Amino acid sequence: MKNNLKTAVILAAIGGLMIVVGGAIGGSGGAAIGFGIGFVFVGGSYWFSDKLAIRSAHASEVTEAQMPRYFAIVRDLCQRADMPMPRLYVSPDPQPNAFATGRGPNHAAVCVNQGILDVLSWEELQGVLAHEISHVRNRDILISSVAAAVAMGITFLARMAMFSAMFGGGGDRRRDDNVLGTLALAILAPIAAVFLQMALSRNREYEADRSGARLLDNGEPLASALEKLDRGTKLVPSAVNPAQATAYIANPFAGQKAKALFNFSTHPPMEDRIRRLRSGEWR
């Protein structure tokens, strides 16, 4: 309940930023436009987020004949969670990682990188897949997609606000006095949206860890897997689109200094996640 309340507050804050930036462009009319643009971005995310994520990972759908153990684990987890079987994919990415995507349990996909298949035992992979199935059941993938879409909308509106402030016509003194304020908002709003999105991602990762451990009634498989993923993501770089980083179970840019912003807070600290799983806080 506490995590769900945090999620609602963060989503409301992101949506509020959209309206504030729109209002900076055109007053009450601009706020309404910002709200409308938010709906467009969210709608696109709702229908196409899974396709974009799978394409970004260069993943291919696999059949049960190709990977029977993969299917068996996911089918068992779905039965425990009382939810439909998602489509299963494998990405050729050598980094050990995984993600879930889609707009809900009836339209979901789970993808594992080849790297994770190379380094984890089947029991550890079961822990990872329990985490991903929990994301699907908790509808985290939709929440994250909506947050990402609204954040993109805020960036779009912020650029419009900046253009309007710098090149808008007219000599109205009141408008001139507000130029600096509008420029500051145009710069700071997208940054605030990114940090709110990161806070949302961290919150939902903790919840998926907890739900996944409960699904197995055991936190050790996921804790052991996270230890290996922590090492692997630091050693093996990934070419994943930064916009998709929050979808992965482990930060794909953990070992890349050039992605310092994403290192900072897309995911909770691994050591804390492992500690919570092994201390029994998930019960």
C-alpha atoms as a PDB file:
ATOM      1  CA  MET A   1       0.000   0.000   0.000  1.00  0.00           C
ATOM      2  CA  LYS A   2       2.832   2.405   0.890  1.00  0.00           C
ATOM      3  CA  ASN A   3       4.576   1.774  -2.453  1.00  0.00           C
ATOM      4  CA  ASN A   4       1.302   2.173  -4.360  1.00  0.00           C
ATOM      5  CA  LEU A   5       0.687   5.525  -2.654  1.00  0.00           C
ATOM      6  CA  LYS A   6       4.193   6.675  -3.596  1.00  0.00           C
ATOM      7  CA  THR A   7       3.530   5.605  -7.191  1.00  0.00           C
ATOM      8  CA  ALA A   8       0.285   7.604  -7.341  1.00  0.00           C
ATOM      9  CA  VAL A   9       1.996  10.715  -5.933  1.00  0.00           C
ATOM     10  CA  ILE A  10       4.909  10.482  -8.399  1.00  0.00           C
ATOM     11  CA  LEU A  11       2.607   9.956 -11.397  1.00  0.00           C
ATOM     12  CA  ALA A  12       0.467  12.912 -10.299  1.00  0.00           C
ATOM     13  CA  ALA A  13       3.593  15.070 -10.011  1.00  0.00           C
ATOM     14  CA  ILE A  14       4.724  14.115 -13.519  1.00  0.00           C
ATOM     15  CA  GLY A  15       1.283  14.874 -14.926  1.00  0.00           C
ATOM     16  CA  GLY A  16       1.218  18.176 -13.055  1.00  0.00           C
ATOM     17  CA  LEU A  17       4.506  19.186 -14.662  1.00  0.00           C
ATOM     18  CA  MET A  18       2.934  18.645 -18.074  1.00  0.00           C
ATOM     19  CA  ILE A  19       0.141  21.099 -17.250  1.00  0.00           C
ATOM     20  CA  VAL A  20       2.510  23.637 -15.653  1.00  0.00           C
ATOM     21  CA  VAL A  21       4.769  23.724 -18.718  1.00  0.00           C
ATOM     22  CA  GLY A  22       1.749  24.056 -21.000  1.00  0.00           C
ATOM     23  CA  GLY A  23       0.503  26.918 -18.872  1.00  0.00           C
ATOM     24  CA  ALA A  24       3.873  28.652 -19.153  1.00  0.00           C
ATOM     25  CA  ILE A  25       3.473  28.661 -22.928  1.00  0.00           C
ATOM     26  CA  GLY A  26      -0.086  29.919 -23.167  1.00  0.00           C
ATOM     27  CA  GLY A  27      -1.804  30.416 -19.847  1.00  0.00           C
ATOM     28  CA  SER A  28      -4.956  28.403 -19.201  1.00  0.00           C
ATOM     29  CA  GLY A  29      -5.243  27.541 -22.889  1.00  0.00           C
ATOM     30  CA  GLY A  30      -1.667  26.278 -22.890  1.00  0.00           C
ATOM     31  CA  ALA A  31      -2.349  24.157 -19.821  1.00  0.00           C
ATOM     32  CA  ALA A  32      -5.231  22.508 -21.670  1.00  0.00           C
ATOM     33  CA  ILE A  33      -2.954  21.909 -24.667  1.00  0.00           C
ATOM     34  CA  GLY A  34      -0.339  20.384 -22.354  1.00  0.00           C
ATOM     35  CA  PHE A  35      -2.982  18.075 -20.935  1.00  0.00           C
ATOM     36  CA  GLY A  36      -4.030  17.087 -24.469  1.00  0.00           C
ATOM     37  CA  ILE A  37      -0.466  16.424 -25.615  1.00  0.00           C
ATOM     38  CA  GLY A  38      -0.011  14.290 -22.518  1.00  0.00           C
ATOM     39  CA  PHE A  39      -2.937  12.144 -23.606  1.00  0.00           C
ATOM     40  CA  VAL A  40      -1.403  11.714 -27.075  1.00  0.00           C
ATOM     41  CA  PHE A  41       1.945  10.596 -25.668  1.00  0.00           C
ATOM     42  CA  VAL A  42       0.307   8.313 -23.113  1.00  0.00           C
ATOM     43  CA  GLY A  43      -1.963   6.794 -25.752  1.00  0.00           C
ATOM     44  CA  GLY A  44       0.992   6.025 -28.001  1.00  0.00           C
ATOM     45  CA  SER A  45       2.826   4.499 -25.079  1.00  0.00           C
ATOM     46  CA  TYR A  46      -0.212   2.393 -24.135  1.00  0.00           C
ATOM     47  CA  TRP A  47      -0.507   0.810 -27.569  1.00  0.00           C
ATOM     48  CA  PHE A  48       3.098   0.634 -28.768  1.00  0.00           C
ATOM     49  CA  SER A  49       5.406   0.433 -25.713  1.00  0.00           C
ATOM     50  CA  ASP A  50       5.907  -3.334 -26.070  1.00  0.00           C
ATOM     51  CA  LYS A  51       6.818  -3.106 -29.754  1.00  0.00           C
ATOM     52  CA  LEU A  52       9.280  -0.281 -29.099  1.00  0.00           C
ATOM     53  CA  ALA A  53      10.952  -2.138 -26.209  1.00  0.00           C
ATOM     54  CA  ILE A  54      11.288  -5.411 -28.142  1.00  0.00           C
ATOM     55  CA  ARG A  55      12.647  -3.600 -31.201  1.00  0.00           C
ATOM     56  CA  SER A  56      15.122  -1.663 -29.073  1.00  0.00           C
ATOM     57  CA  ALA A  57      16.440  -4.951 -27.652  1.00  0.00           C
ATOM     58  CA  HIS A  58      16.647  -6.557 -31.138  1.00  0.00           C
ATOM     59  CA  ALA A  59      14.802  -9.479 -29.552  1.00  0.00           C
ATOM     60  CA  SER A  60      13.184 -12.444 -31.282  1.00  0.00           C
ATOM     61  CA  GLU A  61      10.159 -14.367 -30.069  1.00  0.00           C
ATOM     62  CA  VAL A  62      10.912 -17.977 -29.143  1.00  0.00           C
ATOM     63  CA  THR A  63       8.719 -21.070 -29.161  1.00  0.00           C
ATOM     64  CA  GLU A  64       8.301 -23.771 -26.548  1.00  0.00           C
ATOM     65  CA  ALA A  65      10.027 -26.247 -28.857  1.00  0.00           C
ATOM     66  CA  GLN A  66      13.079 -23.984 -28.977  1.00  0.00           C
ATOM     67  CA  MET A  67      13.293 -23.247 -25.213  1.00  0.00           C
ATOM     68  CA  PRO A  68      11.141 -25.712 -23.222  1.00  0.00           C
ATOM     69  CA  ARG A  69      12.743 -24.916 -19.837  1.00  0.00           C
ATOM     70  CA  TYR A  70      12.166 -21.179 -20.281  1.00  0.00           C
ATOM     71  CA  PHE A  71       8.495 -21.839 -21.069  1.00  0.00           C
ATOM     72  CA  ALA A  72       8.094 -24.305 -18.191  1.00  0.00           C
ATOM     73  CA  ILE A  73       9.382 -21.806 -15.622  1.00  0.00           C
ATOM     74  CA  VAL A  74       7.201 -18.954 -16.882  1.00  0.00           C
ATOM     75  CA  ARG A  75       4.114 -21.188 -17.162  1.00  0.00           C
ATOM     76  CA  ASP A  76       4.552 -22.337 -13.558  1.00  0.00           C
ATOM     77  CA  LEU A  77       4.971 -18.745 -12.346  1.00  0.00           C
ATOM     78  CA  CYS A  78       1.886 -17.604 -14.283  1.00  0.00           C
ATOM     79  CA  GLN A  79      -0.170 -20.374 -12.719  1.00  0.00           C
ATOM     80  CA  ARG A  80       0.992 -19.285  -9.266  1.00  0.00           C
ATOM     81  CA  ALA A  81       0.165 -15.668 -10.089  1.00  0.00           C
ATOM     82  CA  ASP A  82      -3.154 -16.620 -11.740  1.00  0.00           C
ATOM     83  CA  MET A  83      -2.416 -14.712 -14.926  1.00  0.00           C
ATOM     84  CA  PRO A  84      -2.117 -15.480 -18.659  1.00  0.00           C
ATOM     85  CA  MET A  85       1.114 -16.622 -20.269  1.00  0.00           C
ATOM     86  CA  PRO A  86       3.065 -13.713 -21.810  1.00  0.00           C
ATOM     87  CA  ARG A  87       4.938 -13.902 -25.096  1.00  0.00           C
ATOM     88  CA  LEU A  88       8.572 -14.890 -24.552  1.00  0.00           C
ATOM     89  CA  TYR A  89      11.577 -13.317 -26.255  1.00  0.00           C
ATOM     90  CA  VAL A  90      15.352 -13.614 -26.262  1.00  0.00           C
ATOM     91  CA  SER A  91      17.675 -10.725 -27.095  1.00  0.00           C
ATOM     92  CA  PRO A  92      21.193 -11.380 -28.481  1.00  0.00           C
ATOM     93  CA  ASP A  93      22.572  -8.761 -26.052  1.00  0.00           C
ATOM     94  CA  PRO A  94      25.543 -10.352 -24.182  1.00  0.00           C
ATOM     95  CA  GLN A  95      24.841  -8.304 -21.042  1.00  0.00           C
ATOM     96  CA  PRO A  96      23.064 -10.379 -18.344  1.00  0.00           C
ATOM     97  CA  ASN A  97      19.696  -8.634 -18.044  1.00  0.00           C
ATOM     98  CA  ALA A  98      15.950  -9.020 -18.570  1.00  0.00           C
ATOM     99  CA  PHE A  99      12.772  -6.960 -18.811  1.00  0.00           C
ATOM    100  CA  ALA A 100       8.994  -7.183 -19.139  1.00  0.00           C
ATOM    101  CA  THR A 101       6.846  -4.961 -21.325  1.00  0.00           C
ATOM    102  CA  GLY A 102       3.270  -4.519 -22.520  1.00  0.00           C
ATOM    103  CA  ARG A 103       0.101  -2.804 -21.382  1.00  0.00           C
ATOM    104  CA  GLY A 104      -1.176  -5.467 -18.981  1.00  0.00           C
ATOM    105  CA  PRO A 105      -1.329  -9.186 -18.135  1.00  0.00           C
ATOM    106  CA  ASN A 106      -3.297  -9.966 -21.303  1.00  0.00           C
ATOM    107  CA  HIS A 107      -0.868  -8.109 -23.566  1.00  0.00           C
ATOM    108  CA  ALA A 108       2.563  -8.721 -22.047  1.00  0.00           C
ATOM    109  CA  ALA A 109       5.984  -9.911 -23.133  1.00  0.00           C
ATOM    110  CA  VAL A 110       9.020 -11.050 -21.182  1.00  0.00           C
ATOM    111  CA  CYS A 111      12.494 -10.835 -22.659  1.00  0.00           C
ATOM    112  CA  VAL A 112      15.795 -12.253 -21.419  1.00  0.00           C
ATOM    113  CA  ASN A 113      19.193 -11.355 -22.827  1.00  0.00           C
ATOM    114  CA  GLN A 114      21.457 -14.123 -24.058  1.00  0.00           C
ATOM    115  CA  GLY A 115      23.924 -12.926 -21.437  1.00  0.00           C
ATOM    116  CA  ILE A 116      21.586 -13.833 -18.589  1.00  0.00           C
ATOM    117  CA  LEU A 117      21.096 -17.335 -19.992  1.00  0.00           C
ATOM    118  CA  ASP A 118      24.872 -17.754 -20.030  1.00  0.00           C
ATOM    119  CA  VAL A 119      25.557 -16.827 -16.395  1.00  0.00           C
ATOM    120  CA  LEU A 120      22.529 -17.836 -14.298  1.00  0.00           C
ATOM    121  CA  SER A 121      21.434 -21.247 -13.098  1.00  0.00           C
ATOM    122  CA  TRP A 122      17.850 -22.211 -13.877  1.00  0.00           C
ATOM    123  CA  GLU A 123      16.905 -21.619 -10.236  1.00  0.00           C
ATOM    124  CA  GLU A 124      18.371 -18.099 -10.373  1.00  0.00           C
ATOM    125  CA  LEU A 125      16.628 -17.467 -13.688  1.00  0.00           C
ATOM    126  CA  GLN A 126      13.389 -18.529 -12.007  1.00  0.00           C
ATOM    127  CA  GLY A 127      13.972 -15.769  -9.439  1.00  0.00           C
ATOM    128  CA  VAL A 128      14.499 -13.199 -12.205  1.00  0.00           C
ATOM    129  CA  LEU A 129      11.415 -14.355 -14.105  1.00  0.00           C
ATOM    130  CA  ALA A 130       9.340 -14.227 -10.901  1.00  0.00           C
ATOM    131  CA  HIS A 131      10.419 -10.577 -10.613  1.00  0.00           C
ATOM    132  CA  GLU A 132       9.372  -9.882 -14.219  1.00  0.00           C
ATOM    133  CA  ILE A 133       6.053 -11.708 -13.882  1.00  0.00           C
ATOM    134  CA  SER A 134       5.405  -9.596 -10.780  1.00  0.00           C
ATOM    135  CA  HIS A 135       5.972  -6.468 -12.858  1.00  0.00           C
ATOM    136  CA  VAL A 136       3.314  -7.708 -15.266  1.00  0.00           C
ATOM    137  CA  ARG A 137       0.835  -8.674 -12.540  1.00  0.00           C
ATOM    138  CA  ASN A 138       1.342  -5.348 -10.721  1.00  0.00           C
ATOM    139  CA  ARG A 139       0.915  -3.481 -14.043  1.00  0.00           C
ATOM    140  CA  ASP A 140       4.251  -1.766 -13.448  1.00  0.00           C
ATOM    141  CA  ILE A 141       5.101  -1.966 -17.125  1.00  0.00           C
ATOM    142  CA  LEU A 142       2.071   0.165 -18.000  1.00  0.00           C
ATOM    143  CA  ILE A 143       2.791   2.632 -15.168  1.00  0.00           C
ATOM    144  CA  SER A 144       6.425   2.992 -16.254  1.00  0.00           C
ATOM    145  CA  SER A 145       5.425   3.391 -19.909  1.00  0.00           C
ATOM    146  CA  VAL A 146       2.911   6.103 -19.039  1.00  0.00           C
ATOM    147  CA  ALA A 147       5.488   7.922 -16.900  1.00  0.00           C
ATOM    148  CA  ALA A 148       8.063   7.736 -19.686  1.00  0.00           C
ATOM    149  CA  ALA A 149       5.544   8.998 -22.242  1.00  0.00           C
ATOM    150  CA  VAL A 150       4.516  11.954 -20.085  1.00  0.00           C
ATOM    151  CA  ALA A 151       8.185  12.754 -19.424  1.00  0.00           C
ATOM    152  CA  MET A 152       8.750  12.857 -23.197  1.00  0.00           C
ATOM    153  CA  GLY A 153       5.703  15.100 -23.532  1.00  0.00           C
ATOM    154  CA  ILE A 154       7.103  17.470 -20.910  1.00  0.00           C
ATOM    155  CA  THR A 155      10.382  17.674 -22.828  1.00  0.00           C
ATOM    156  CA  PHE A 156       8.445  18.424 -26.028  1.00  0.00           C
ATOM    157  CA  LEU A 157       6.418  21.173 -24.339  1.00  0.00           C
ATOM    158  CA  ALA A 158       9.517  22.574 -22.633  1.00  0.00           C
ATOM    159  CA  ARG A 159      11.180  23.034 -26.018  1.00  0.00           C
ATOM    160  CA  MET A 160       8.067  24.826 -27.240  1.00  0.00           C
ATOM    161  CA  ALA A 161       8.154  27.054 -24.153  1.00  0.00           C
ATOM    162  CA  MET A 162      11.823  27.863 -24.730  1.00  0.00           C
ATOM    163  CA  PHE A 163      11.188  28.701 -28.372  1.00  0.00           C
ATOM    164  CA  SER A 164       8.216  30.870 -27.414  1.00  0.00           C
ATOM    165  CA  ALA A 165      10.204  32.737 -24.761  1.00  0.00           C
ATOM    166  CA  MET A 166      13.225  33.344 -26.973  1.00  0.00           C
ATOM    167  CA  PHE A 167      11.566  34.110 -30.291  1.00  0.00           C
ATOM    168  CA  GLY A 168       7.992  35.056 -29.436  1.00  0.00           C
ATOM    169  CA  GLY A 169       6.873  38.281 -31.042  1.00  0.00           C
ATOM    170  CA  GLY A 170       5.357  41.339 -29.432  1.00  0.00           C
ATOM    171  CA  GLY A 171       6.661  43.973 -27.072  1.00  0.00           C
ATOM    172  CA  ASP A 172       4.399  43.441 -24.116  1.00  0.00           C
ATOM    173  CA  ARG A 173       6.373  44.320 -20.989  1.00  0.00           C
ATOM    174  CA  ARG A 174       4.696  41.646 -18.910  1.00  0.00           C
ATOM    175  CA  ARG A 175       5.702  39.005 -21.448  1.00  0.00           C
ATOM    176  CA  ASP A 176       9.275  40.280 -21.485  1.00  0.00           C
ATOM    177  CA  ASP A 177       9.408  40.153 -17.687  1.00  0.00           C
ATOM    178  CA  ASN A 178       8.366  36.488 -17.777  1.00  0.00           C
ATOM    179  CA  VAL A 179      10.942  35.362 -20.339  1.00  0.00           C
ATOM    180  CA  LEU A 180      13.550  34.343 -17.787  1.00  0.00           C
ATOM    181  CA  GLY A 181      10.979  32.497 -15.696  1.00  0.00           C
ATOM    182  CA  THR A 182       9.709  30.607 -18.737  1.00  0.00           C
ATOM    183  CA  LEU A 183      13.233  29.702 -19.816  1.00  0.00           C
ATOM    184  CA  ALA A 184      14.059  28.454 -16.328  1.00  0.00           C
ATOM    185  CA  LEU A 185      10.901  26.324 -16.315  1.00  0.00           C
ATOM    186  CA  ALA A 186      11.683  24.978 -19.789  1.00  0.00           C
ATOM    187  CA  ILE A 187      15.118  23.855 -18.568  1.00  0.00           C
ATOM    188  CA  LEU A 188      14.155  22.551 -15.137  1.00  0.00           C
ATOM    189  CA  ALA A 189      10.850  20.809 -15.909  1.00  0.00           C
ATOM    190  CA  PRO A 190      12.358  18.029 -18.065  1.00  0.00           C
ATOM    191  CA  ILE A 191      15.061  17.433 -15.438  1.00  0.00           C
ATOM    192  CA  ALA A 192      12.400  17.193 -12.734  1.00  0.00           C
ATOM    193  CA  ALA A 193      10.390  14.787 -14.908  1.00  0.00           C
ATOM    194  CA  VAL A 194      13.418  12.519 -15.358  1.00  0.00           C
ATOM    195  CA  PHE A 195      14.095  12.400 -11.620  1.00  0.00           C
ATOM    196  CA  LEU A 196      10.443  11.689 -10.838  1.00  0.00           C
ATOM    197  CA  GLN A 197      10.479   8.905 -13.426  1.00  0.00           C
ATOM    198  CA  MET A 198      13.619   7.464 -11.825  1.00  0.00           C
ATOM    199  CA  ALA A 199      12.011   7.594  -8.378  1.00  0.00           C
ATOM    200  CA  LEU A 200       9.024   5.719  -9.786  1.00  0.00           C
ATOM    201  CA  SER A 201      11.290   3.072 -11.299  1.00  0.00           C
ATOM    202  CA  ARG A 202      13.168   2.508  -8.033  1.00  0.00           C
ATOM    203  CA  ASN A 203       9.904   2.202  -6.128  1.00  0.00           C
ATOM    204  CA  ARG A 204       8.476  -0.410  -8.511  1.00  0.00           C
ATOM    205  CA  GLU A 205      11.724  -2.428  -8.548  1.00  0.00           C
ATOM    206  CA  TYR A 206      11.553  -2.886  -4.790  1.00  0.00           C
ATOM    207  CA  GLU A 207       7.914  -3.953  -5.101  1.00  0.00           C
ATOM    208  CA  ALA A 208       8.667  -6.461  -7.886  1.00  0.00           C
ATOM    209  CA  ASP A 209      11.527  -7.936  -5.810  1.00  0.00           C
ATOM    210  CA  ARG A 210       9.129  -8.406  -2.920  1.00  0.00           C
ATOM    211  CA  SER A 211       6.315  -9.819  -5.050  1.00  0.00           C
ATOM    212  CA  GLY A 212       8.695 -12.153  -6.898  1.00  0.00           C
ATOM    213  CA  ALA A 213      10.075 -13.555  -3.641  1.00  0.00           C
ATOM    214  CA  ARG A 214       6.552 -14.097  -2.355  1.00  0.00           C
ATOM    215  CA  LEU A 215       5.615 -15.877  -5.569  1.00  0.00           C
ATOM    216  CA  LEU A 216       8.390 -18.424  -4.910  1.00  0.00           C
ATOM    217  CA  ASP A 217       8.166 -18.177  -1.106  1.00  0.00           C
ATOM    218  CA  ASN A 218      11.932 -17.777  -1.290  1.00  0.00           C
ATOM    219  CA  GLY A 219      14.082 -14.681  -1.747  1.00  0.00           C
ATOM    220  CA  GLU A 220      17.390 -16.473  -2.296  1.00  0.00           C
ATOM    221  CA  PRO A 221      17.093 -17.312  -6.040  1.00  0.00           C
ATOM    222  CA  LEU A 222      16.569 -13.655  -6.923  1.00  0.00           C
ATOM    223  CA  ALA A 223      19.190 -12.435  -4.431  1.00  0.00           C
ATOM    224  CA  SER A 224      21.787 -14.789  -5.907  1.00  0.00           C
ATOM    225  CA  ALA A 225      20.812 -13.739  -9.436  1.00  0.00           C
ATOM    226  CA  LEU A 226      21.111 -10.034  -8.578  1.00  0.00           C
ATOM    227  CA  GLU A 227      24.658 -10.584  -7.303  1.00  0.00           C
ATOM    228  CA  LYS A 228      25.646 -12.009 -10.688  1.00  0.00           C
ATOM    229  CA  LEU A 229      23.739  -9.333 -12.601  1.00  0.00           C
ATOM    230  CA  ASP A 230      25.446  -6.617 -10.560  1.00  0.00           C
ATOM    231  CA  ARG A 231      28.854  -7.927 -11.641  1.00  0.00           C
ATOM    232  CA  GLY A 232      27.796  -8.672 -15.198  1.00  0.00           C
ATOM    233  CA  THR A 233      26.218  -5.306 -16.012  1.00  0.00           C
ATOM    234  CA  LYS A 234      29.380  -3.553 -14.803  1.00  0.00           C
ATOM    235  CA  LEU A 235      31.621  -5.715 -16.986  1.00  0.00           C
ATOM    236  CA  VAL A 236      29.534  -6.066 -20.144  1.00  0.00           C
ATOM    237  CA  PRO A 237      28.274  -2.849 -21.787  1.00  0.00           C
ATOM    238  CA  SER A 238      24.866  -2.621 -23.432  1.00  0.00           C
ATOM    239  CA  ALA A 239      23.701  -0.669 -26.465  1.00  0.00           C
ATOM    240  CA  VAL A 240      20.111  -0.429 -25.207  1.00  0.00           C
ATOM    241  CA  ASN A 241      18.268   2.846 -25.793  1.00  0.00           C
ATOM    242  CA  PRO A 242      18.569   4.958 -22.585  1.00  0.00           C
ATOM    243  CA  ALA A 243      14.790   5.533 -22.728  1.00  0.00           C
ATOM    244  CA  GLN A 244      14.331   1.796 -22.075  1.00  0.00           C
ATOM    245  CA  ALA A 245      16.790   1.584 -19.156  1.00  0.00           C
ATOM    246  CA  THR A 246      14.158   1.646 -16.417  1.00  0.00           C
ATOM    247  CA  ALA A 247      12.464  -1.465 -17.853  1.00  0.00           C
ATOM    248  CA  TYR A 248      15.410  -3.750 -17.076  1.00  0.00           C
ATOM    249  CA  ILE A 249      15.841  -5.665 -13.825  1.00  0.00           C
ATOM    250  CA  ALA A 250      19.406  -4.320 -13.515  1.00  0.00           C
ATOM    251  CA  ASN A 251      20.697  -0.934 -14.631  1.00  0.00           C
ATOM    252  CA  PRO A 252      22.102  -1.610 -18.132  1.00  0.00           C
ATOM    253  CA  PHE A 253      24.501   1.332 -17.796  1.00  0.00           C
ATOM    254  CA  ALA A 254      25.994   0.363 -14.424  1.00  0.00           C
ATOM    255  CA  GLY A 255      29.499   0.135 -15.867  1.00  0.00           C
ATOM    256  CA  GLN A 256      29.361   3.087 -18.259  1.00  0.00           C
ATOM    257  CA  LYS A 257      30.572   6.395 -16.851  1.00  0.00           C
ATOM    258  CA  ALA A 258      29.184   8.186 -19.883  1.00  0.00           C
ATOM    259  CA  LYS A 259      25.718   7.248 -18.630  1.00  0.00           C
ATOM    260  CA  ALA A 260      26.314   8.697 -15.154  1.00  0.00           C
ATOM    261  CA  LEU A 261      22.798  10.112 -14.926  1.00  0.00           C
ATOM    262  CA  PHE A 262      21.332   6.649 -15.404  1.00  0.00           C
ATOM    263  CA  ASN A 263      23.872   5.169 -12.980  1.00  0.00           C
ATOM    264  CA  PHE A 264      22.653   7.655 -10.408  1.00  0.00           C
ATOM    265  CA  SER A 265      19.142   6.455  -9.805  1.00  0.00           C
ATOM    266  CA  THR A 266      17.214   4.417 -12.359  1.00  0.00           C
ATOM    267  CA  HIS A 267      17.445   1.413 -10.041  1.00  0.00           C
ATOM    268  CA  PRO A 268      17.774   0.928  -6.282  1.00  0.00           C
ATOM    269  CA  PRO A 269      21.243  -0.041  -5.005  1.00  0.00           C
ATOM    270  CA  MET A 270      21.836  -3.734  -5.675  1.00  0.00           C
ATOM    271  CA  GLU A 271      23.284  -4.319  -2.229  1.00  0.00           C
ATOM    272  CA  ASP A 272      20.101  -2.971  -0.646  1.00  0.00           C
ATOM    273  CA  ARG A 273      17.868  -5.128  -2.859  1.00  0.00           C
ATOM    274  CA  ILE A 274      19.914  -8.224  -2.005  1.00  0.00           C
ATOM    275  CA  ARG A 275      19.866  -7.385   1.706  1.00  0.00           C
ATOM    276  CA  ARG A 276      16.089  -7.020   1.723  1.00  0.00           C
ATOM    277  CA  LEU A 277      15.620 -10.339  -0.040  1.00  0.00           C
ATOM    278  CA  ARG A 278      17.950 -12.225   2.301  1.00  0.00           C
ATOM    279  CA  SER A 279      16.701 -10.583   5.478  1.00  0.00           C
ATOM    280  CA  GLY A 280      13.122 -11.700   4.808  1.00  0.00           C
ATOM    281  CA  GLU A 281      11.668  -8.184   4.466  1.00  0.00           C
ATOM    282  CA  TRP A 282       9.621  -9.470   1.516  1.00  0.00           C
ATOM    283  CA  ARG A 283       7.445 -11.677   3.768  1.00  0.00           C
END
